[in-house]
């Protein structure tokens, strides 16, 4: 018999939709399909604590682009005495985030704002049926291409019913990307550090749909030493993945890039950055020997990515011929 892990129940969520996840955690959600997808990524695949990323008791974690708060919940339910700062600009998602984290107490700090390179307000496009794609830099054609890549990869993997789904993909994408707009407040990471007297940030997780570079630009130079680890979902537009990798590398981080096979053929990557031992001890980063295992991992990922792209192209060509 499989035992479910039991967590404290959240208080009343003011009529929000509720769902009990496979580990027994009761949550409020925006859409059930997304909640299940977030659960698999965060709790099962643990996409934010891999490639050397670690969380220790007493760490300080910044969850930027918190959505409904599952990564914040993951951190608090898996590790002891964690302090979190969670940022979500979309008002509907922030209400769910607040409901899901209401039992965590003062160590879970929630902010109904986004982060950027300066303080301002900006128009935020919210997709109720695809909330994870909501953005300050909305581009419906880019969003459609990402979703279409996911659907194609699901079909390539033999997921049941995907051929029927693809027949109606245009209508599906239109519904998934129906949008609302909000004027949202933005501040900077260094501004938060100053206001709340943050001494260190052990893990900075950023998943913000094309605002990632703005957020890093909002870190003042003297604050970079406070960061130990960073995980960023990057939209590789105009070489942004390399640009951010160079930015982090120049500040003493060792960076690993990875693309989930579900996103093969899209512009979306994850970057995992860990402050090098040399930087942490105050010696020159040049004295650290090359990590050959990381290099081999990157080569293997590149090979698999190339194979996935080839299969996807063959599939697209085949469907075009059938039409």
C-alpha atoms as a PDB file:
ATOM      1  CA  UNK A   1       0.000   0.000   0.000  1.00  0.00           C
ATOM      2  CA  UNK A   2       1.339   3.453  -0.980  1.00  0.00           C
ATOM      3  CA  UNK A   3       1.327   5.926   1.889  1.00  0.00           C
ATOM      4  CA  UNK A   4       0.609   9.556   1.070  1.00  0.00           C
ATOM      5  CA  UNK A   5       2.602  12.239   2.793  1.00  0.00           C
ATOM      6  CA  UNK A   6       0.243  14.376   4.854  1.00  0.00           C
ATOM      7  CA  UNK A   7       0.719  18.130   5.195  1.00  0.00           C
ATOM      8  CA  UNK A   8      -1.207  20.690   7.228  1.00  0.00           C
ATOM      9  CA  UNK A   9      -4.461  21.596   5.513  1.00  0.00           C
ATOM     10  CA  UNK A  10      -4.705  25.085   4.090  1.00  0.00           C
ATOM     11  CA  UNK A  11      -7.429  27.359   5.496  1.00  0.00           C
ATOM     12  CA  UNK A  12     -10.543  28.289   3.557  1.00  0.00           C
ATOM     13  CA  UNK A  13      -9.563  29.567   0.109  1.00  0.00           C
ATOM     14  CA  UNK A  14     -12.510  31.936  -0.361  1.00  0.00           C
ATOM     15  CA  UNK A  15     -14.245  29.713  -2.907  1.00  0.00           C
ATOM     16  CA  UNK A  16     -11.145  28.860  -4.939  1.00  0.00           C
ATOM     17  CA  UNK A  17     -11.039  25.530  -6.735  1.00  0.00           C
ATOM     18  CA  UNK A  18      -9.299  22.818  -4.681  1.00  0.00           C
ATOM     19  CA  UNK A  19      -7.272  19.759  -5.604  1.00  0.00           C
ATOM     20  CA  UNK A  20      -5.419  17.124  -3.568  1.00  0.00           C
ATOM     21  CA  UNK A  21      -2.081  16.309  -5.173  1.00  0.00           C
ATOM     22  CA  UNK A  22      -0.614  12.776  -5.240  1.00  0.00           C
ATOM     23  CA  UNK A  23       1.509  13.511  -2.146  1.00  0.00           C
ATOM     24  CA  UNK A  24      -1.602  14.466  -0.133  1.00  0.00           C
ATOM     25  CA  UNK A  25      -1.031  18.230  -0.284  1.00  0.00           C
ATOM     26  CA  UNK A  26      -4.317  20.115  -0.629  1.00  0.00           C
ATOM     27  CA  UNK A  27      -3.999  23.152  -2.923  1.00  0.00           C
ATOM     28  CA  UNK A  28      -6.033  25.821  -4.667  1.00  0.00           C
ATOM     29  CA  UNK A  29      -5.383  26.110  -8.417  1.00  0.00           C
ATOM     30  CA  UNK A  30      -6.005  28.183 -11.542  1.00  0.00           C
ATOM     31  CA  UNK A  31      -6.443  25.242 -13.936  1.00  0.00           C
ATOM     32  CA  UNK A  32      -6.187  21.603 -12.915  1.00  0.00           C
ATOM     33  CA  UNK A  33      -4.118  20.608 -15.959  1.00  0.00           C
ATOM     34  CA  UNK A  34      -1.501  23.226 -15.134  1.00  0.00           C
ATOM     35  CA  UNK A  35      -1.492  22.335 -11.442  1.00  0.00           C
ATOM     36  CA  UNK A  36      -0.785  18.693 -12.325  1.00  0.00           C
ATOM     37  CA  UNK A  37       1.954  19.768 -14.736  1.00  0.00           C
ATOM     38  CA  UNK A  38       3.564  22.042 -12.096  1.00  0.00           C
ATOM     39  CA  UNK A  39       3.368  19.223  -9.550  1.00  0.00           C
ATOM     40  CA  UNK A  40       5.177  16.784 -11.850  1.00  0.00           C
ATOM     41  CA  UNK A  41       7.882  19.338 -12.640  1.00  0.00           C
ATOM     42  CA  UNK A  42       8.427  20.598  -9.098  1.00  0.00           C
ATOM     43  CA  UNK A  43       7.680  17.666  -6.788  1.00  0.00           C
ATOM     44  CA  UNK A  44       8.474  14.656  -8.988  1.00  0.00           C
ATOM     45  CA  UNK A  45      11.093  15.790 -11.528  1.00  0.00           C
ATOM     46  CA  UNK A  46      12.396  18.445  -9.082  1.00  0.00           C
ATOM     47  CA  UNK A  47      13.499  20.662 -11.964  1.00  0.00           C
ATOM     48  CA  UNK A  48      14.721  23.455  -9.679  1.00  0.00           C
ATOM     49  CA  UNK A  49      16.993  21.282  -7.518  1.00  0.00           C
ATOM     50  CA  UNK A  50      19.108  19.366 -10.015  1.00  0.00           C
ATOM     51  CA  UNK A  51      22.467  19.775 -11.764  1.00  0.00           C
ATOM     52  CA  UNK A  52      24.151  20.447  -8.429  1.00  0.00           C
ATOM     53  CA  UNK A  53      21.522  22.857  -7.059  1.00  0.00           C
ATOM     54  CA  UNK A  54      20.871  22.167  -3.360  1.00  0.00           C
ATOM     55  CA  UNK A  55      18.763  23.575  -0.526  1.00  0.00           C
ATOM     56  CA  UNK A  56      19.945  23.341   3.081  1.00  0.00           C
ATOM     57  CA  UNK A  57      18.143  23.911   6.405  1.00  0.00           C
ATOM     58  CA  UNK A  58      17.970  27.622   7.163  1.00  0.00           C
ATOM     59  CA  UNK A  59      18.423  28.745   3.539  1.00  0.00           C
ATOM     60  CA  UNK A  60      16.836  31.839   2.017  1.00  0.00           C
ATOM     61  CA  UNK A  61      15.004  31.181  -1.260  1.00  0.00           C
ATOM     62  CA  UNK A  62      13.579  33.733  -3.714  1.00  0.00           C
ATOM     63  CA  UNK A  63      10.722  32.367  -5.870  1.00  0.00           C
ATOM     64  CA  UNK A  64      10.324  34.886  -8.706  1.00  0.00           C
ATOM     65  CA  UNK A  65       7.358  34.090 -10.900  1.00  0.00           C
ATOM     66  CA  UNK A  66       5.724  32.046  -8.150  1.00  0.00           C
ATOM     67  CA  UNK A  67       2.422  31.468  -9.983  1.00  0.00           C
ATOM     68  CA  UNK A  68       0.174  29.523  -7.546  1.00  0.00           C
ATOM     69  CA  UNK A  69       3.093  28.885  -5.191  1.00  0.00           C
ATOM     70  CA  UNK A  70       3.947  25.213  -5.685  1.00  0.00           C
ATOM     71  CA  UNK A  71       7.713  25.758  -5.608  1.00  0.00           C
ATOM     72  CA  UNK A  72       7.360  27.773  -2.402  1.00  0.00           C
ATOM     73  CA  UNK A  73       5.311  24.905  -0.956  1.00  0.00           C
ATOM     74  CA  UNK A  74       7.885  22.381  -2.155  1.00  0.00           C
ATOM     75  CA  UNK A  75      10.647  24.255  -0.352  1.00  0.00           C
ATOM     76  CA  UNK A  76       8.731  24.566   2.926  1.00  0.00           C
ATOM     77  CA  UNK A  77       7.473  20.984   2.977  1.00  0.00           C
ATOM     78  CA  UNK A  78      10.804  19.374   2.032  1.00  0.00           C
ATOM     79  CA  UNK A  79      13.325  21.439   4.005  1.00  0.00           C
ATOM     80  CA  UNK A  80      13.523  22.837   7.547  1.00  0.00           C
ATOM     81  CA  UNK A  81      13.575  26.479   8.647  1.00  0.00           C
ATOM     82  CA  UNK A  82      13.503  27.911   5.119  1.00  0.00           C
ATOM     83  CA  UNK A  83      12.786  31.605   4.548  1.00  0.00           C
ATOM     84  CA  UNK A  84      11.079  32.361   1.229  1.00  0.00           C
ATOM     85  CA  UNK A  85      10.316  35.520  -0.721  1.00  0.00           C
ATOM     86  CA  UNK A  86       7.698  34.784  -3.398  1.00  0.00           C
ATOM     87  CA  UNK A  87       6.772  37.226  -6.181  1.00  0.00           C
ATOM     88  CA  UNK A  88       3.689  37.013  -8.407  1.00  0.00           C
ATOM     89  CA  UNK A  89       2.310  40.074 -10.252  1.00  0.00           C
ATOM     90  CA  UNK A  90      -0.987  38.630 -11.589  1.00  0.00           C
ATOM     91  CA  UNK A  91      -3.772  39.407  -9.071  1.00  0.00           C
ATOM     92  CA  UNK A  92      -5.738  36.165  -9.701  1.00  0.00           C
ATOM     93  CA  UNK A  93      -2.623  34.029  -9.215  1.00  0.00           C
ATOM     94  CA  UNK A  94      -1.510  35.987  -6.171  1.00  0.00           C
ATOM     95  CA  UNK A  95      -4.791  35.194  -4.409  1.00  0.00           C
ATOM     96  CA  UNK A  96      -4.198  31.487  -5.046  1.00  0.00           C
ATOM     97  CA  UNK A  97      -0.556  31.814  -3.969  1.00  0.00           C
ATOM     98  CA  UNK A  98      -1.676  33.459  -0.735  1.00  0.00           C
ATOM     99  CA  UNK A  99      -4.253  30.721  -0.059  1.00  0.00           C
ATOM    100  CA  UNK A 100      -1.755  27.944  -0.746  1.00  0.00           C
ATOM    101  CA  UNK A 101       0.878  29.414   1.551  1.00  0.00           C
ATOM    102  CA  UNK A 102      -1.338  30.788   4.306  1.00  0.00           C
ATOM    103  CA  UNK A 103      -0.249  28.126   6.816  1.00  0.00           C
ATOM    104  CA  UNK A 104       3.498  28.740   6.375  1.00  0.00           C
ATOM    105  CA  UNK A 105       3.672  31.703   8.758  1.00  0.00           C
ATOM    106  CA  UNK A 106       6.122  34.625   8.735  1.00  0.00           C
ATOM    107  CA  UNK A 107       8.928  32.722   6.987  1.00  0.00           C
ATOM    108  CA  UNK A 108       6.890  32.771   3.741  1.00  0.00           C
ATOM    109  CA  UNK A 109       6.834  36.378   2.486  1.00  0.00           C
ATOM    110  CA  UNK A 110       4.500  37.011  -0.444  1.00  0.00           C
ATOM    111  CA  UNK A 111       4.685  39.974  -2.837  1.00  0.00           C
ATOM    112  CA  UNK A 112       1.955  40.923  -5.315  1.00  0.00           C
ATOM    113  CA  UNK A 113       4.429  42.478  -7.740  1.00  0.00           C
ATOM    114  CA  UNK A 114       6.957  41.571 -10.385  1.00  0.00           C
ATOM    115  CA  UNK A 115      10.677  42.244 -10.537  1.00  0.00           C
ATOM    116  CA  UNK A 116      12.535  44.187 -13.209  1.00  0.00           C
ATOM    117  CA  UNK A 117      15.508  46.489 -13.829  1.00  0.00           C
ATOM    118  CA  UNK A 118      13.815  49.500 -12.208  1.00  0.00           C
ATOM    119  CA  UNK A 119      10.715  50.442 -10.227  1.00  0.00           C
ATOM    120  CA  UNK A 120       7.706  51.090 -12.454  1.00  0.00           C
ATOM    121  CA  UNK A 121       4.251  49.869 -13.434  1.00  0.00           C
ATOM    122  CA  UNK A 122       3.681  47.913 -16.635  1.00  0.00           C
ATOM    123  CA  UNK A 123       0.959  46.144 -18.555  1.00  0.00           C
ATOM    124  CA  UNK A 124       0.785  42.441 -17.757  1.00  0.00           C
ATOM    125  CA  UNK A 125      -0.960  39.958 -20.071  1.00  0.00           C
ATOM    126  CA  UNK A 126      -2.601  37.154 -18.109  1.00  0.00           C
ATOM    127  CA  UNK A 127      -3.717  33.933 -19.814  1.00  0.00           C
ATOM    128  CA  UNK A 128      -6.317  32.318 -17.485  1.00  0.00           C
ATOM    129  CA  UNK A 129      -6.099  28.975 -19.318  1.00  0.00           C
ATOM    130  CA  UNK A 130      -2.289  28.996 -19.619  1.00  0.00           C
ATOM    131  CA  UNK A 131      -1.264  31.048 -16.619  1.00  0.00           C
ATOM    132  CA  UNK A 132       2.359  29.889 -16.755  1.00  0.00           C
ATOM    133  CA  UNK A 133       2.764  31.753 -20.066  1.00  0.00           C
ATOM    134  CA  UNK A 134       1.472  35.083 -18.738  1.00  0.00           C
ATOM    135  CA  UNK A 135       3.956  37.851 -19.393  1.00  0.00           C
ATOM    136  CA  UNK A 136       4.988  41.491 -19.412  1.00  0.00           C
ATOM    137  CA  UNK A 137       6.329  40.712 -22.903  1.00  0.00           C
ATOM    138  CA  UNK A 138       3.311  38.953 -24.375  1.00  0.00           C
ATOM    139  CA  UNK A 139       3.612  37.841 -27.989  1.00  0.00           C
ATOM    140  CA  UNK A 140       0.780  35.538 -28.939  1.00  0.00           C
ATOM    141  CA  UNK A 141       2.676  34.116 -31.929  1.00  0.00           C
ATOM    142  CA  UNK A 142       5.663  33.170 -29.743  1.00  0.00           C
ATOM    143  CA  UNK A 143       3.347  31.673 -27.128  1.00  0.00           C
ATOM    144  CA  UNK A 144       1.553  29.647 -29.815  1.00  0.00           C
ATOM    145  CA  UNK A 145       4.848  28.280 -31.127  1.00  0.00           C
ATOM    146  CA  UNK A 146       5.901  27.134 -27.646  1.00  0.00           C
ATOM    147  CA  UNK A 147       2.554  25.424 -27.042  1.00  0.00           C
ATOM    148  CA  UNK A 148       2.607  23.883 -30.508  1.00  0.00           C
ATOM    149  CA  UNK A 149       6.099  22.475 -29.848  1.00  0.00           C
ATOM    150  CA  UNK A 150       4.835  20.906 -26.616  1.00  0.00           C
ATOM    151  CA  UNK A 151       1.856  19.334 -28.401  1.00  0.00           C
ATOM    152  CA  UNK A 152       4.088  17.971 -31.169  1.00  0.00           C
ATOM    153  CA  UNK A 153       6.538  16.510 -28.665  1.00  0.00           C
ATOM    154  CA  UNK A 154       3.675  14.896 -26.744  1.00  0.00           C
ATOM    155  CA  UNK A 155       2.465  13.336 -29.989  1.00  0.00           C
ATOM    156  CA  UNK A 156       6.013  12.168 -30.802  1.00  0.00           C
ATOM    157  CA  UNK A 157       6.110  10.419 -27.422  1.00  0.00           C
ATOM    158  CA  UNK A 158       2.945   8.527 -28.298  1.00  0.00           C
ATOM    159  CA  UNK A 159       0.669  10.262 -25.788  1.00  0.00           C
ATOM    160  CA  UNK A 160      -2.847   8.926 -26.253  1.00  0.00           C
ATOM    161  CA  UNK A 161      -5.282  11.148 -28.136  1.00  0.00           C
ATOM    162  CA  UNK A 162      -2.704  13.659 -29.361  1.00  0.00           C
ATOM    163  CA  UNK A 163      -3.404  13.059 -33.064  1.00  0.00           C
ATOM    164  CA  UNK A 164      -7.033  14.077 -32.496  1.00  0.00           C
ATOM    165  CA  UNK A 165      -5.882  17.086 -30.456  1.00  0.00           C
ATOM    166  CA  UNK A 166      -3.598  18.248 -33.289  1.00  0.00           C
ATOM    167  CA  UNK A 167      -6.530  18.274 -35.729  1.00  0.00           C
ATOM    168  CA  UNK A 168      -8.061  21.051 -33.650  1.00  0.00           C
ATOM    169  CA  UNK A 169      -4.820  22.649 -32.476  1.00  0.00           C
ATOM    170  CA  UNK A 170      -5.584  26.108 -33.889  1.00  0.00           C
ATOM    171  CA  UNK A 171      -8.855  26.370 -31.972  1.00  0.00           C
ATOM    172  CA  UNK A 172      -7.206  24.882 -28.878  1.00  0.00           C
ATOM    173  CA  UNK A 173      -4.381  27.418 -28.947  1.00  0.00           C
ATOM    174  CA  UNK A 174      -6.815  30.303 -29.386  1.00  0.00           C
ATOM    175  CA  UNK A 175      -8.710  29.203 -26.269  1.00  0.00           C
ATOM    176  CA  UNK A 176      -5.551  28.487 -24.268  1.00  0.00           C
ATOM    177  CA  UNK A 177      -4.286  32.005 -25.022  1.00  0.00           C
ATOM    178  CA  UNK A 178      -7.435  33.988 -24.341  1.00  0.00           C
ATOM    179  CA  UNK A 179      -6.114  36.909 -22.290  1.00  0.00           C
ATOM    180  CA  UNK A 180      -6.821  39.573 -19.685  1.00  0.00           C
ATOM    181  CA  UNK A 181      -4.596  42.558 -18.869  1.00  0.00           C
ATOM    182  CA  UNK A 182      -3.553  44.195 -15.602  1.00  0.00           C
ATOM    183  CA  UNK A 183      -1.393  47.138 -14.624  1.00  0.00           C
ATOM    184  CA  UNK A 184       1.145  45.648 -12.241  1.00  0.00           C
ATOM    185  CA  UNK A 185       3.847  47.045 -10.006  1.00  0.00           C
ATOM    186  CA  UNK A 186       7.487  46.160 -10.571  1.00  0.00           C
ATOM    187  CA  UNK A 187      10.474  46.612  -8.295  1.00  0.00           C
ATOM    188  CA  UNK A 188      14.102  45.426  -8.328  1.00  0.00           C
ATOM    189  CA  UNK A 189      15.901  42.609  -6.568  1.00  0.00           C
ATOM    190  CA  UNK A 190      18.337  45.052  -5.001  1.00  0.00           C
ATOM    191  CA  UNK A 191      15.402  47.158  -3.841  1.00  0.00           C
ATOM    192  CA  UNK A 192      13.934  44.130  -2.045  1.00  0.00           C
ATOM    193  CA  UNK A 193      17.338  43.314  -0.570  1.00  0.00           C
ATOM    194  CA  UNK A 194      17.645  46.837   0.858  1.00  0.00           C
ATOM    195  CA  UNK A 195      14.079  47.118   2.128  1.00  0.00           C
ATOM    196  CA  UNK A 196      14.068  43.739   3.893  1.00  0.00           C
ATOM    197  CA  UNK A 197      17.733  43.666   4.906  1.00  0.00           C
ATOM    198  CA  UNK A 198      18.383  40.382   3.083  1.00  0.00           C
ATOM    199  CA  UNK A 199      21.894  39.178   3.927  1.00  0.00           C
ATOM    200  CA  UNK A 200      22.083  36.296   1.474  1.00  0.00           C
ATOM    201  CA  UNK A 201      20.028  34.476  -1.147  1.00  0.00           C
ATOM    202  CA  UNK A 202      20.897  30.787  -1.283  1.00  0.00           C
ATOM    203  CA  UNK A 203      18.662  30.051  -4.267  1.00  0.00           C
ATOM    204  CA  UNK A 204      17.158  32.511  -6.716  1.00  0.00           C
ATOM    205  CA  UNK A 205      14.570  30.785  -8.914  1.00  0.00           C
ATOM    206  CA  UNK A 206      13.336  32.837 -11.894  1.00  0.00           C
ATOM    207  CA  UNK A 207      10.480  31.745 -14.175  1.00  0.00           C
ATOM    208  CA  UNK A 208       9.012  34.922 -15.630  1.00  0.00           C
ATOM    209  CA  UNK A 209       8.282  34.462 -19.326  1.00  0.00           C
ATOM    210  CA  UNK A 210      10.808  36.724 -21.075  1.00  0.00           C
ATOM    211  CA  UNK A 211      11.503  39.148 -18.194  1.00  0.00           C
ATOM    212  CA  UNK A 212      14.478  37.160 -16.885  1.00  0.00           C
ATOM    213  CA  UNK A 213      17.197  39.462 -18.228  1.00  0.00           C
ATOM    214  CA  UNK A 214      15.431  42.549 -16.822  1.00  0.00           C
ATOM    215  CA  UNK A 215      15.449  40.947 -13.371  1.00  0.00           C
ATOM    216  CA  UNK A 216      19.165  40.220 -13.447  1.00  0.00           C
ATOM    217  CA  UNK A 217      19.816  43.814 -14.542  1.00  0.00           C
ATOM    218  CA  UNK A 218      18.002  44.898 -11.370  1.00  0.00           C
ATOM    219  CA  UNK A 219      20.805  43.456  -9.224  1.00  0.00           C
ATOM    220  CA  UNK A 220      23.323  46.115  -8.247  1.00  0.00           C
ATOM    221  CA  UNK A 221      26.943  45.048  -8.616  1.00  0.00           C
ATOM    222  CA  UNK A 222      27.675  45.004  -4.886  1.00  0.00           C
ATOM    223  CA  UNK A 223      24.749  42.605  -4.301  1.00  0.00           C
ATOM    224  CA  UNK A 224      25.957  39.785  -6.555  1.00  0.00           C
ATOM    225  CA  UNK A 225      28.081  38.367  -3.738  1.00  0.00           C
ATOM    226  CA  UNK A 226      24.889  37.593  -1.786  1.00  0.00           C
ATOM    227  CA  UNK A 227      23.760  34.942  -4.308  1.00  0.00           C
ATOM    228  CA  UNK A 228      24.868  31.299  -3.985  1.00  0.00           C
ATOM    229  CA  UNK A 229      22.724  29.579  -6.654  1.00  0.00           C
ATOM    230  CA  UNK A 230      20.418  30.681  -9.473  1.00  0.00           C
ATOM    231  CA  UNK A 231      17.996  28.703 -11.640  1.00  0.00           C
ATOM    232  CA  UNK A 232      16.450  30.561 -14.581  1.00  0.00           C
ATOM    233  CA  UNK A 233      14.002  29.579 -17.277  1.00  0.00           C
ATOM    234  CA  UNK A 234      15.356  31.441 -20.297  1.00  0.00           C
ATOM    235  CA  UNK A 235      13.588  32.273 -23.537  1.00  0.00           C
ATOM    236  CA  UNK A 236      16.461  32.116 -26.001  1.00  0.00           C
ATOM    237  CA  UNK A 237      15.517  35.131 -28.096  1.00  0.00           C
ATOM    238  CA  UNK A 238      18.407  36.823 -29.956  1.00  0.00           C
ATOM    239  CA  UNK A 239      21.006  34.733 -28.132  1.00  0.00           C
ATOM    240  CA  UNK A 240      19.705  35.508 -24.648  1.00  0.00           C
ATOM    241  CA  UNK A 241      20.741  32.139 -23.174  1.00  0.00           C
ATOM    242  CA  UNK A 242      24.393  32.789 -24.070  1.00  0.00           C
ATOM    243  CA  UNK A 243      24.121  36.395 -22.921  1.00  0.00           C
ATOM    244  CA  UNK A 244      22.827  35.401 -19.486  1.00  0.00           C
ATOM    245  CA  UNK A 245      25.321  32.535 -19.214  1.00  0.00           C
ATOM    246  CA  UNK A 246      28.170  34.988 -19.873  1.00  0.00           C
ATOM    247  CA  UNK A 247      26.713  37.453 -17.385  1.00  0.00           C
ATOM    248  CA  UNK A 248      26.640  34.814 -14.650  1.00  0.00           C
ATOM    249  CA  UNK A 249      29.990  33.307 -15.599  1.00  0.00           C
ATOM    250  CA  UNK A 250      31.650  36.708 -15.335  1.00  0.00           C
ATOM    251  CA  UNK A 251      30.361  36.923 -11.750  1.00  0.00           C
ATOM    252  CA  UNK A 252      31.834  33.634 -10.631  1.00  0.00           C
ATOM    253  CA  UNK A 253      29.046  31.155 -11.413  1.00  0.00           C
ATOM    254  CA  UNK A 254      29.439  27.793 -13.103  1.00  0.00           C
ATOM    255  CA  UNK A 255      26.513  27.483 -15.524  1.00  0.00           C
ATOM    256  CA  UNK A 256      24.820  24.413 -16.990  1.00  0.00           C
ATOM    257  CA  UNK A 257      22.179  24.784 -19.724  1.00  0.00           C
ATOM    258  CA  UNK A 258      19.438  22.206 -20.199  1.00  0.00           C
ATOM    259  CA  UNK A 259      16.345  21.866 -22.325  1.00  0.00           C
ATOM    260  CA  UNK A 260      13.516  19.607 -21.199  1.00  0.00           C
ATOM    261  CA  UNK A 261      12.650  17.135 -23.948  1.00  0.00           C
ATOM    262  CA  UNK A 262       9.051  18.360 -23.823  1.00  0.00           C
ATOM    263  CA  UNK A 263      10.325  21.764 -25.059  1.00  0.00           C
ATOM    264  CA  UNK A 264      12.560  20.399 -27.837  1.00  0.00           C
ATOM    265  CA  UNK A 265      12.326  22.696 -30.832  1.00  0.00           C
ATOM    266  CA  UNK A 266      11.222  25.672 -28.747  1.00  0.00           C
ATOM    267  CA  UNK A 267      13.135  28.699 -27.430  1.00  0.00           C
ATOM    268  CA  UNK A 268      12.878  27.607 -23.779  1.00  0.00           C
ATOM    269  CA  UNK A 269      15.861  26.443 -21.690  1.00  0.00           C
ATOM    270  CA  UNK A 270      16.791  26.177 -18.019  1.00  0.00           C
ATOM    271  CA  UNK A 271      20.081  27.595 -16.762  1.00  0.00           C
ATOM    272  CA  UNK A 272      21.545  26.239 -13.507  1.00  0.00           C
ATOM    273  CA  UNK A 273      24.171  28.518 -11.967  1.00  0.00           C
ATOM    274  CA  UNK A 274      26.256  27.724  -8.884  1.00  0.00           C
ATOM    275  CA  UNK A 275      28.808  30.082  -7.367  1.00  0.00           C
ATOM    276  CA  UNK A 276      32.188  28.488  -7.939  1.00  0.00           C
ATOM    277  CA  UNK A 277      34.240  27.309  -4.994  1.00  0.00           C
ATOM    278  CA  UNK A 278      36.946  29.757  -6.021  1.00  0.00           C
ATOM    279  CA  UNK A 279      34.599  32.723  -5.786  1.00  0.00           C
ATOM    280  CA  UNK A 280      33.190  31.596  -2.455  1.00  0.00           C
ATOM    281  CA  UNK A 281      36.673  31.293  -0.952  1.00  0.00           C
ATOM    282  CA  UNK A 282      37.900  34.524  -2.485  1.00  0.00           C
ATOM    283  CA  UNK A 283      40.438  32.953  -4.872  1.00  0.00           C
ATOM    284  CA  UNK A 284      40.553  33.447  -8.600  1.00  0.00           C
ATOM    285  CA  UNK A 285      37.950  31.512 -10.646  1.00  0.00           C
ATOM    286  CA  UNK A 286      40.773  30.703 -13.082  1.00  0.00           C
ATOM    287  CA  UNK A 287      42.300  28.381 -10.487  1.00  0.00           C
ATOM    288  CA  UNK A 288      39.321  25.998 -10.630  1.00  0.00           C
ATOM    289  CA  UNK A 289      39.914  22.996 -12.868  1.00  0.00           C
ATOM    290  CA  UNK A 290      37.503  22.339 -15.716  1.00  0.00           C
ATOM    291  CA  UNK A 291      34.469  20.233 -14.863  1.00  0.00           C
ATOM    292  CA  UNK A 292      34.736  17.542 -17.517  1.00  0.00           C
ATOM    293  CA  UNK A 293      31.606  15.727 -16.346  1.00  0.00           C
ATOM    294  CA  UNK A 294      29.533  18.884 -16.904  1.00  0.00           C
ATOM    295  CA  UNK A 295      31.048  19.287 -20.370  1.00  0.00           C
ATOM    296  CA  UNK A 296      30.164  15.692 -21.236  1.00  0.00           C
ATOM    297  CA  UNK A 297      26.628  16.212 -19.937  1.00  0.00           C
ATOM    298  CA  UNK A 298      26.200  19.294 -22.118  1.00  0.00           C
ATOM    299  CA  UNK A 299      27.472  17.404 -25.184  1.00  0.00           C
ATOM    300  CA  UNK A 300      25.053  14.556 -24.526  1.00  0.00           C
ATOM    301  CA  UNK A 301      22.149  16.977 -24.067  1.00  0.00           C
ATOM    302  CA  UNK A 302      23.078  18.746 -27.298  1.00  0.00           C
ATOM    303  CA  UNK A 303      23.094  15.385 -29.117  1.00  0.00           C
ATOM    304  CA  UNK A 304      19.673  14.427 -27.748  1.00  0.00           C
ATOM    305  CA  UNK A 305      18.295  17.867 -28.564  1.00  0.00           C
ATOM    306  CA  UNK A 306      19.535  17.567 -32.171  1.00  0.00           C
ATOM    307  CA  UNK A 307      17.907  14.156 -32.507  1.00  0.00           C
ATOM    308  CA  UNK A 308      14.626  15.525 -31.111  1.00  0.00           C
ATOM    309  CA  UNK A 309      14.678  18.403 -33.601  1.00  0.00           C
ATOM    310  CA  UNK A 310      15.294  15.948 -36.454  1.00  0.00           C
ATOM    311  CA  UNK A 311      12.374  13.744 -35.385  1.00  0.00           C
ATOM    312  CA  UNK A 312      10.113  16.760 -35.036  1.00  0.00           C
ATOM    313  CA  UNK A 313      11.021  18.036 -38.519  1.00  0.00           C
ATOM    314  CA  UNK A 314      10.385  14.605 -40.016  1.00  0.00           C
ATOM    315  CA  UNK A 315       6.986  14.495 -38.300  1.00  0.00           C
ATOM    316  CA  UNK A 316       6.054  17.963 -39.582  1.00  0.00           C
ATOM    317  CA  UNK A 317       7.169  17.077 -43.139  1.00  0.00           C
ATOM    318  CA  UNK A 318       5.127  13.879 -43.004  1.00  0.00           C
ATOM    319  CA  UNK A 319       1.960  15.714 -41.932  1.00  0.00           C
ATOM    320  CA  UNK A 320       2.455  18.325 -44.663  1.00  0.00           C
ATOM    321  CA  UNK A 321       2.707  15.595 -47.298  1.00  0.00           C
ATOM    322  CA  UNK A 322      -0.449  13.915 -45.958  1.00  0.00           C
ATOM    323  CA  UNK A 323      -2.334  17.202 -46.345  1.00  0.00           C
END
